[in-house]
Amino acid sequence: MDNQVWLQVLHLLPRVTHDFPASTAAFEKIHAAHPHQLLPTLYLADLHTRTHHYDKALAFHHKALTLTN
């Protein structure tokens, strides 16, 4: 996923619509297709934190660390 603008829009969308499940599901699909991309991983960590799914958020934060090393 090379178009960062679409990722940013998708990440900001739930702040307006409050539809976190839809954005999270979309990022899950993007992450499944591009598991080595850092931005979708970080956005998933943020969305899971905002929805109080801390175990999933922590897992994505750990994965992000592995992608940066």
Protein backbone atom coordinates (compact mmCIF):
# COMPACT_ATOMS: atom_id res chain seq x y z
CA MET A 1 0.00 0.00 0.00
CA ASP A 2 1.97 2.97 -1.28
CA ASN A 3 -0.69 5.66 -1.08
CA GLN A 4 -0.27 7.12 2.40
CA VAL A 5 -3.05 9.69 1.92
CA TRP A 6 -5.70 6.95 1.73
CA LEU A 7 -4.30 5.35 4.86
CA GLN A 8 -4.44 8.69 6.67
CA VAL A 9 -8.03 9.31 5.58
CA LEU A 10 -9.09 5.83 6.63
CA HIS A 11 -7.41 6.34 10.00
CA LEU A 12 -9.08 9.74 10.60
CA LEU A 13 -12.53 8.67 9.40
CA PRO A 14 -13.71 7.10 12.68
CA ARG A 15 -13.04 10.37 14.49
CA VAL A 16 -15.87 11.86 12.47
CA THR A 17 -18.16 8.87 11.93
CA HIS A 18 -17.36 6.99 15.17
CA ASP A 19 -17.36 3.79 13.09
CA PHE A 20 -14.24 2.22 14.53
CA PRO A 21 -15.20 -1.36 13.58
CA ALA A 22 -15.38 -0.49 9.87
CA SER A 23 -12.01 1.27 9.87
CA THR A 24 -10.42 -1.48 11.91
CA ALA A 25 -11.78 -4.13 9.54
CA ALA A 26 -10.44 -2.21 6.54
CA PHE A 27 -7.01 -1.91 8.13
CA GLU A 28 -7.07 -5.60 9.01
CA LYS A 29 -7.60 -6.40 5.31
CA ILE A 30 -4.83 -3.99 4.28
CA HIS A 31 -2.51 -5.49 6.88
CA ALA A 32 -3.29 -9.02 5.70
CA ALA A 33 -2.40 -8.03 2.14
CA HIS A 34 0.69 -6.04 3.16
CA PRO A 35 1.97 -7.51 6.45
CA HIS A 36 5.38 -5.84 6.18
CA GLN A 37 4.08 -2.28 5.82
CA LEU A 38 4.68 -0.14 8.89
CA LEU A 39 1.83 2.41 8.59
CA PRO A 40 -1.10 -0.04 8.55
CA THR A 41 0.47 -1.79 11.54
CA LEU A 42 0.78 1.46 13.49
CA TYR A 43 -2.73 2.57 12.56
CA LEU A 44 -4.11 -0.77 13.77
CA ALA A 45 -2.25 -0.34 17.05
CA ASP A 46 -3.81 3.11 17.45
CA LEU A 47 -7.34 2.00 16.54
CA HIS A 48 -7.19 -0.93 18.94
CA THR A 49 -5.93 1.38 21.70
CA ARG A 50 -8.80 3.82 21.07
CA THR A 51 -11.33 0.97 21.28
CA HIS A 52 -9.76 -0.40 24.48
CA HIS A 53 -8.52 -3.63 22.86
CA TYR A 54 -5.17 -3.31 24.60
CA ASP A 55 -3.98 -6.86 23.96
CA LYS A 56 -4.36 -6.39 20.20
CA ALA A 57 -2.87 -2.89 20.38
CA LEU A 58 0.19 -4.21 22.19
CA ALA A 59 0.62 -6.99 19.64
CA PHE A 60 0.59 -4.48 16.78
CA HIS A 61 3.02 -2.19 18.63
CA HIS A 62 5.38 -5.14 19.05
CA LYS A 63 5.03 -6.00 15.38
CA ALA A 64 5.79 -2.38 14.44
CA LEU A 65 8.99 -2.59 16.46
CA THR A 66 10.06 -5.67 14.56
CA LEU A 67 9.35 -3.92 11.26
CA THR A 68 11.61 -1.01 12.16
CA ASN A 69 14.59 -3.12 13.20
